[in-house]
N, C-alpha and C. Protein backbone atom coordinates (compact mmCIF):
# COMPACT_ATOMS: atom_id res chain seq x y z
N UNK A 1 94.05 335.02 156.72
CA UNK A 1 93.88 334.69 155.33
C UNK A 1 92.60 333.88 155.13
N UNK A 2 92.30 332.90 156.00
CA UNK A 2 91.14 332.05 155.85
C UNK A 2 89.85 332.85 155.95
N UNK A 3 89.81 333.84 156.84
CA UNK A 3 88.63 334.68 156.98
C UNK A 3 88.40 335.49 155.70
N UNK A 4 89.48 335.93 155.06
CA UNK A 4 89.35 336.72 153.84
C UNK A 4 88.72 335.88 152.72
N UNK A 5 89.12 334.62 152.59
CA UNK A 5 88.54 333.75 151.57
C UNK A 5 87.05 333.57 151.79
N UNK A 6 86.65 333.36 153.03
CA UNK A 6 85.25 333.17 153.36
C UNK A 6 84.44 334.43 153.10
N UNK A 7 84.96 335.58 153.46
CA UNK A 7 84.27 336.86 153.25
C UNK A 7 84.08 337.13 151.76
N UNK A 8 85.13 336.92 150.97
CA UNK A 8 85.05 337.15 149.53
C UNK A 8 84.05 336.20 148.89
N UNK A 9 84.10 334.92 149.25
CA UNK A 9 83.18 333.95 148.67
C UNK A 9 81.74 334.28 149.02
N UNK A 10 81.48 334.67 150.26
CA UNK A 10 80.13 335.02 150.67
C UNK A 10 79.62 336.27 149.95
N UNK A 11 80.46 337.28 149.83
CA UNK A 11 80.06 338.52 149.15
C UNK A 11 79.72 338.27 147.68
N UNK A 12 80.54 337.48 147.01
CA UNK A 12 80.28 337.18 145.59
C UNK A 12 79.01 336.36 145.46
N UNK A 13 78.83 335.39 146.33
CA UNK A 13 77.64 334.55 146.30
C UNK A 13 76.37 335.39 146.45
N UNK A 14 76.35 336.28 147.42
CA UNK A 14 75.17 337.12 147.65
C UNK A 14 74.92 338.07 146.49
N UNK A 15 75.99 338.63 145.91
CA UNK A 15 75.80 339.56 144.79
C UNK A 15 75.28 338.85 143.55
N UNK A 16 75.65 337.61 143.34
CA UNK A 16 75.16 336.86 142.18
C UNK A 16 73.64 336.69 142.23
N UNK A 17 73.13 336.37 143.41
CA UNK A 17 71.70 336.13 143.51
C UNK A 17 70.90 337.40 143.69
N UNK A 18 71.50 338.44 144.22
CA UNK A 18 70.81 339.73 144.35
C UNK A 18 70.62 340.36 142.98
N UNK A 19 71.49 340.06 142.03
CA UNK A 19 71.43 340.66 140.71
C UNK A 19 70.43 339.98 139.79
N UNK A 20 69.75 338.96 140.25
CA UNK A 20 68.85 338.21 139.40
C UNK A 20 67.46 338.84 139.26
N UNK A 21 67.25 340.01 139.83
CA UNK A 21 65.97 340.70 139.65
C UNK A 21 65.02 340.45 140.79
N UNK A 22 63.73 340.73 140.56
CA UNK A 22 62.74 340.62 141.63
C UNK A 22 62.57 339.18 142.10
N UNK A 23 62.21 339.04 143.36
CA UNK A 23 62.00 337.71 143.93
C UNK A 23 60.75 337.09 143.32
N UNK A 24 60.82 335.82 143.05
CA UNK A 24 59.67 335.09 142.55
C UNK A 24 59.70 333.70 143.17
N UNK A 25 58.58 333.05 143.21
CA UNK A 25 58.50 331.73 143.83
C UNK A 25 59.33 330.73 143.05
N UNK A 26 60.20 330.06 143.75
CA UNK A 26 60.98 328.99 143.14
C UNK A 26 61.48 328.08 144.25
N UNK A 27 61.77 326.86 143.87
CA UNK A 27 62.26 325.94 144.88
C UNK A 27 63.75 326.16 145.09
N UNK A 28 64.19 326.00 146.34
CA UNK A 28 65.60 326.20 146.66
C UNK A 28 66.08 325.05 147.53
N UNK A 29 67.29 324.61 147.25
CA UNK A 29 67.94 323.58 148.04
C UNK A 29 69.21 324.21 148.62
N UNK A 30 69.22 324.40 149.93
CA UNK A 30 70.34 325.07 150.60
C UNK A 30 70.96 324.08 151.58
N UNK A 31 72.23 323.79 151.40
CA UNK A 31 72.93 322.84 152.26
C UNK A 31 74.21 323.47 152.81
N UNK A 32 74.45 323.23 154.10
CA UNK A 32 75.71 323.59 154.73
C UNK A 32 76.26 322.33 155.38
N UNK A 33 77.47 321.98 155.01
CA UNK A 33 78.08 320.76 155.53
C UNK A 33 79.40 321.13 156.20
N UNK A 34 79.55 320.73 157.45
CA UNK A 34 80.79 320.93 158.19
C UNK A 34 81.31 319.54 158.56
N UNK A 35 82.56 319.26 158.19
CA UNK A 35 83.14 317.95 158.43
C UNK A 35 84.51 318.11 159.08
N UNK A 36 84.69 317.44 160.23
CA UNK A 36 85.98 317.43 160.90
C UNK A 36 86.46 315.98 160.95
N UNK A 37 87.53 315.69 160.21
CA UNK A 37 88.07 314.33 160.09
C UNK A 37 87.01 313.33 159.64
N UNK A 38 86.08 313.77 158.81
CA UNK A 38 84.97 312.93 158.38
C UNK A 38 85.22 312.24 157.05
N UNK A 39 84.23 311.47 156.61
CA UNK A 39 84.33 310.78 155.32
C UNK A 39 84.18 311.77 154.17
N UNK A 40 84.42 311.33 152.95
CA UNK A 40 84.22 312.21 151.78
C UNK A 40 82.78 312.71 151.71
N UNK A 41 82.62 313.93 151.20
CA UNK A 41 81.31 314.54 151.05
C UNK A 41 80.89 314.43 149.58
N UNK A 42 79.69 313.91 149.35
CA UNK A 42 79.11 313.85 148.00
C UNK A 42 77.72 314.49 148.10
N UNK A 43 77.49 315.55 147.32
CA UNK A 43 76.23 316.28 147.37
C UNK A 43 75.70 316.48 145.96
N UNK A 44 74.46 316.08 145.74
CA UNK A 44 73.77 316.28 144.46
C UNK A 44 72.56 317.15 144.71
N UNK A 45 72.43 318.25 143.95
CA UNK A 45 71.30 319.16 144.09
C UNK A 45 70.67 319.39 142.72
N UNK A 46 69.32 319.41 142.69
CA UNK A 46 68.64 319.61 141.41
C UNK A 46 67.39 320.47 141.54
N UNK A 47 67.40 321.45 142.44
CA UNK A 47 66.28 322.38 142.55
C UNK A 47 66.50 323.56 141.61
N UNK A 48 65.53 324.45 141.55
CA UNK A 48 65.66 325.64 140.72
C UNK A 48 66.86 326.49 141.16
N UNK A 49 66.99 326.66 142.49
CA UNK A 49 68.13 327.38 143.06
C UNK A 49 68.86 326.44 144.02
N UNK A 50 70.15 326.28 143.81
CA UNK A 50 70.97 325.39 144.63
C UNK A 50 72.11 326.17 145.26
N UNK A 51 72.20 326.10 146.58
CA UNK A 51 73.28 326.75 147.32
C UNK A 51 73.92 325.71 148.22
N UNK A 52 75.25 325.65 148.20
CA UNK A 52 75.95 324.69 149.06
C UNK A 52 77.20 325.33 149.64
N UNK A 53 77.40 325.07 150.90
CA UNK A 53 78.63 325.48 151.58
C UNK A 53 79.24 324.25 152.23
N UNK A 54 80.48 323.95 151.91
CA UNK A 54 81.16 322.77 152.46
C UNK A 54 82.44 323.24 153.13
N UNK A 55 82.58 322.91 154.41
CA UNK A 55 83.77 323.29 155.19
C UNK A 55 84.35 322.01 155.77
N UNK A 56 85.60 321.69 155.40
CA UNK A 56 86.21 320.43 155.82
C UNK A 56 87.57 320.69 156.46
N UNK A 57 87.80 320.02 157.60
CA UNK A 57 89.06 320.19 158.30
C UNK A 57 89.58 318.82 158.73
N UNK A 58 90.89 318.60 158.54
CA UNK A 58 91.55 317.43 159.10
C UNK A 58 91.80 316.31 158.11
N UNK A 59 92.94 315.66 158.29
CA UNK A 59 93.27 314.49 157.49
C UNK A 59 93.22 314.74 156.01
N UNK A 60 92.65 313.77 155.30
CA UNK A 60 92.46 313.89 153.85
C UNK A 60 91.01 314.26 153.60
N UNK A 61 90.79 315.36 152.91
CA UNK A 61 89.42 315.83 152.67
C UNK A 61 89.07 315.67 151.20
N UNK A 62 87.82 315.29 150.94
CA UNK A 62 87.34 315.11 149.57
C UNK A 62 85.89 315.56 149.50
N UNK A 63 85.58 316.41 148.51
CA UNK A 63 84.21 316.88 148.33
C UNK A 63 83.85 316.84 146.84
N UNK A 64 82.66 316.35 146.56
CA UNK A 64 82.11 316.34 145.21
C UNK A 64 80.73 316.95 145.27
N UNK A 65 80.51 318.03 144.50
CA UNK A 65 79.22 318.71 144.48
C UNK A 65 78.75 318.80 143.03
N UNK A 66 77.52 318.32 142.78
CA UNK A 66 76.89 318.40 141.46
C UNK A 66 75.59 319.19 141.61
N UNK A 67 75.45 320.24 140.80
CA UNK A 67 74.26 321.09 140.88
C UNK A 67 73.65 321.26 139.49
N UNK A 68 72.34 321.01 139.40
CA UNK A 68 71.59 321.22 138.16
C UNK A 68 70.36 322.05 138.49
N UNK A 69 70.35 323.31 138.08
CA UNK A 69 69.23 324.21 138.35
C UNK A 69 69.46 325.53 137.66
N UNK A 70 68.52 326.44 137.76
CA UNK A 70 68.67 327.75 137.12
C UNK A 70 69.81 328.54 137.72
N UNK A 71 69.89 328.56 139.06
CA UNK A 71 70.94 329.30 139.78
C UNK A 71 71.67 328.34 140.71
N UNK A 72 72.99 328.23 140.53
CA UNK A 72 73.79 327.31 141.32
C UNK A 72 74.97 328.05 141.93
N UNK A 73 75.22 327.79 143.20
CA UNK A 73 76.38 328.39 143.86
C UNK A 73 76.93 327.40 144.89
N UNK A 74 78.25 327.30 144.91
CA UNK A 74 78.90 326.42 145.88
C UNK A 74 80.19 327.08 146.36
N UNK A 75 80.45 326.93 147.65
CA UNK A 75 81.72 327.35 148.23
C UNK A 75 82.28 326.18 149.00
N UNK A 76 83.51 325.79 148.69
CA UNK A 76 84.17 324.68 149.38
C UNK A 76 85.46 325.20 149.99
N UNK A 77 85.62 325.01 151.29
CA UNK A 77 86.87 325.33 151.98
C UNK A 77 87.39 324.05 152.60
N UNK A 78 88.65 323.72 152.30
CA UNK A 78 89.24 322.49 152.81
C UNK A 78 90.60 322.78 153.44
N UNK A 79 90.82 322.19 154.60
CA UNK A 79 92.09 322.31 155.31
C UNK A 79 92.49 320.90 155.74
N UNK A 80 93.57 320.36 155.17
CA UNK A 80 93.98 319.02 155.52
C UNK A 80 95.29 318.66 154.87
N UNK A 81 95.66 317.39 154.97
CA UNK A 81 96.90 316.93 154.35
C UNK A 81 96.77 316.86 152.84
N UNK A 82 95.81 316.07 152.37
CA UNK A 82 95.52 315.94 150.94
C UNK A 82 94.09 316.40 150.75
N UNK A 83 93.90 317.45 149.93
CA UNK A 83 92.57 317.99 149.71
C UNK A 83 92.16 317.78 148.26
N UNK A 84 90.89 317.43 148.07
CA UNK A 84 90.37 317.17 146.73
C UNK A 84 88.95 317.71 146.62
N UNK A 85 88.68 318.45 145.53
CA UNK A 85 87.34 319.00 145.32
C UNK A 85 86.95 318.87 143.86
N UNK A 86 85.68 318.53 143.64
CA UNK A 86 85.14 318.42 142.29
C UNK A 86 83.76 319.08 142.28
N UNK A 87 83.56 320.00 141.33
CA UNK A 87 82.28 320.72 141.21
C UNK A 87 81.78 320.61 139.77
N UNK A 88 80.53 320.23 139.61
CA UNK A 88 79.87 320.20 138.30
C UNK A 88 78.58 320.99 138.39
N UNK A 89 78.43 322.01 137.53
CA UNK A 89 77.24 322.86 137.58
C UNK A 89 76.65 323.03 136.18
N UNK A 90 75.33 322.90 136.10
CA UNK A 90 74.60 323.15 134.86
C UNK A 90 73.41 324.03 135.19
N UNK A 91 73.35 325.23 134.59
CA UNK A 91 72.26 326.15 134.85
C UNK A 91 72.51 327.49 134.19
N UNK A 92 71.59 328.43 134.36
CA UNK A 92 71.75 329.76 133.78
C UNK A 92 72.90 330.51 134.44
N UNK A 93 72.92 330.52 135.79
CA UNK A 93 73.95 331.23 136.54
C UNK A 93 74.67 330.23 137.45
N UNK A 94 75.98 330.14 137.28
CA UNK A 94 76.78 329.20 138.06
C UNK A 94 77.93 329.95 138.74
N UNK A 95 78.10 329.69 140.04
CA UNK A 95 79.21 330.27 140.79
C UNK A 95 79.86 329.18 141.61
N UNK A 96 81.18 329.07 141.53
CA UNK A 96 81.91 328.09 142.33
C UNK A 96 83.17 328.71 142.89
N UNK A 97 83.42 328.46 144.17
CA UNK A 97 84.66 328.88 144.81
C UNK A 97 85.22 327.70 145.58
N UNK A 98 86.51 327.42 145.37
CA UNK A 98 87.19 326.37 146.11
C UNK A 98 88.44 326.97 146.73
N UNK A 99 88.57 326.83 148.04
CA UNK A 99 89.77 327.25 148.76
C UNK A 99 90.37 326.05 149.45
N UNK A 100 91.64 325.79 149.21
CA UNK A 100 92.28 324.60 149.76
C UNK A 100 93.64 324.93 150.37
N UNK A 101 93.89 324.35 151.54
CA UNK A 101 95.20 324.46 152.18
C UNK A 101 95.60 323.07 152.63
N UNK A 102 96.78 322.64 152.21
CA UNK A 102 97.26 321.32 152.60
C UNK A 102 98.55 320.98 151.89
N UNK A 103 99.02 319.78 152.12
CA UNK A 103 100.24 319.33 151.47
C UNK A 103 100.03 319.19 149.96
N UNK A 104 98.87 318.67 149.58
CA UNK A 104 98.54 318.46 148.18
C UNK A 104 97.09 318.88 147.95
N UNK A 105 96.84 319.64 146.90
CA UNK A 105 95.49 320.13 146.61
C UNK A 105 95.14 319.88 145.15
N UNK A 106 93.96 319.31 144.92
CA UNK A 106 93.48 319.04 143.57
C UNK A 106 92.04 319.54 143.46
N UNK A 107 91.74 320.30 142.39
CA UNK A 107 90.40 320.83 142.18
C UNK A 107 90.00 320.73 140.71
N UNK A 108 88.73 320.43 140.48
CA UNK A 108 88.15 320.43 139.14
C UNK A 108 86.81 321.14 139.23
N UNK A 109 86.61 322.17 138.39
CA UNK A 109 85.34 322.88 138.32
C UNK A 109 84.87 322.86 136.87
N UNK A 110 83.64 322.37 136.65
CA UNK A 110 83.07 322.32 135.31
C UNK A 110 81.72 323.03 135.35
N UNK A 111 81.54 324.02 134.45
CA UNK A 111 80.32 324.82 134.46
C UNK A 111 79.75 324.95 133.05
N UNK A 112 78.42 324.77 132.94
CA UNK A 112 77.72 324.94 131.67
C UNK A 112 76.54 325.86 131.94
N UNK A 113 76.59 327.08 131.37
CA UNK A 113 75.51 328.03 131.59
C UNK A 113 75.80 329.36 130.93
N UNK A 114 74.85 330.29 131.06
CA UNK A 114 74.98 331.60 130.44
C UNK A 114 75.97 332.49 131.18
N UNK A 115 75.99 332.39 132.53
CA UNK A 115 76.90 333.21 133.32
C UNK A 115 77.64 332.30 134.30
N UNK A 116 78.93 332.10 134.04
CA UNK A 116 79.74 331.19 134.84
C UNK A 116 80.87 331.95 135.54
N UNK A 117 81.03 331.69 136.83
CA UNK A 117 82.13 332.26 137.59
C UNK A 117 82.76 331.16 138.41
N UNK A 118 84.05 330.96 138.23
CA UNK A 118 84.75 329.93 138.99
C UNK A 118 86.07 330.47 139.51
N UNK A 119 86.37 330.18 140.77
CA UNK A 119 87.63 330.63 141.37
C UNK A 119 88.19 329.52 142.24
N UNK A 120 89.49 329.32 142.14
CA UNK A 120 90.18 328.32 142.94
C UNK A 120 91.39 328.98 143.58
N UNK A 121 91.51 328.83 144.90
CA UNK A 121 92.68 329.33 145.63
C UNK A 121 93.31 328.14 146.35
N UNK A 122 94.56 327.85 146.03
CA UNK A 122 95.24 326.70 146.62
C UNK A 122 96.55 327.12 147.27
N UNK A 123 96.75 326.62 148.48
CA UNK A 123 97.98 326.90 149.21
C UNK A 123 98.54 325.57 149.70
N UNK A 124 99.64 325.12 149.10
CA UNK A 124 100.24 323.86 149.48
C UNK A 124 101.48 323.61 148.68
N UNK A 125 102.05 322.42 148.86
CA UNK A 125 103.28 322.08 148.15
C UNK A 125 103.00 321.61 146.73
N UNK A 126 101.95 320.81 146.55
CA UNK A 126 101.59 320.29 145.22
C UNK A 126 100.16 320.69 144.93
N UNK A 127 99.95 321.53 143.89
CA UNK A 127 98.62 322.03 143.57
C UNK A 127 98.28 321.71 142.12
N UNK A 128 97.02 321.33 141.90
CA UNK A 128 96.54 321.04 140.56
C UNK A 128 95.09 321.52 140.45
N UNK A 129 94.78 322.28 139.42
CA UNK A 129 93.40 322.76 139.27
C UNK A 129 93.01 322.84 137.81
N UNK A 130 91.71 322.64 137.56
CA UNK A 130 91.14 322.74 136.22
C UNK A 130 89.79 323.43 136.32
N UNK A 131 89.57 324.44 135.49
CA UNK A 131 88.27 325.10 135.41
C UNK A 131 87.83 325.05 133.95
N UNK A 132 86.66 324.45 133.72
CA UNK A 132 86.09 324.39 132.37
C UNK A 132 84.75 325.08 132.37
N UNK A 133 84.59 326.08 131.49
CA UNK A 133 83.34 326.85 131.45
C UNK A 133 82.85 326.87 130.01
N UNK A 134 81.53 326.71 129.87
CA UNK A 134 80.94 326.76 128.53
C UNK A 134 79.63 327.53 128.58
N UNK A 135 79.48 328.49 127.69
CA UNK A 135 78.24 329.24 127.54
C UNK A 135 77.65 328.88 126.18
N UNK A 136 76.37 328.53 126.16
CA UNK A 136 75.74 328.15 124.88
C UNK A 136 75.66 329.31 123.90
């Protein structure tokens, strides 16, 4: 099941950026964060294109990702006892995927842009999620 979530998130992420037309010079901020029993992750990105992948395993996991740019994409996978994820995106194209497995899972995704895609998959005893999308 975990491999399927990763494959789907990667395929959607690649298709979003492939559909944007011909390549042109722009700044990109690409981050991959892997955390095993680590502290909370806080990531702020403000380039033209922002890509982030966060993979967290163990204990209580917490990730906060804020992206401000023309094209924003984030994938967060969390496996732990208590999982928490927060995503804020502002740009023309926004994509967010959160996958959580644990005793308790909480997710918030907020997107402001012309094309917004948000997906949350939670597997646990207590799950809570909110997705807010706004197109001007």
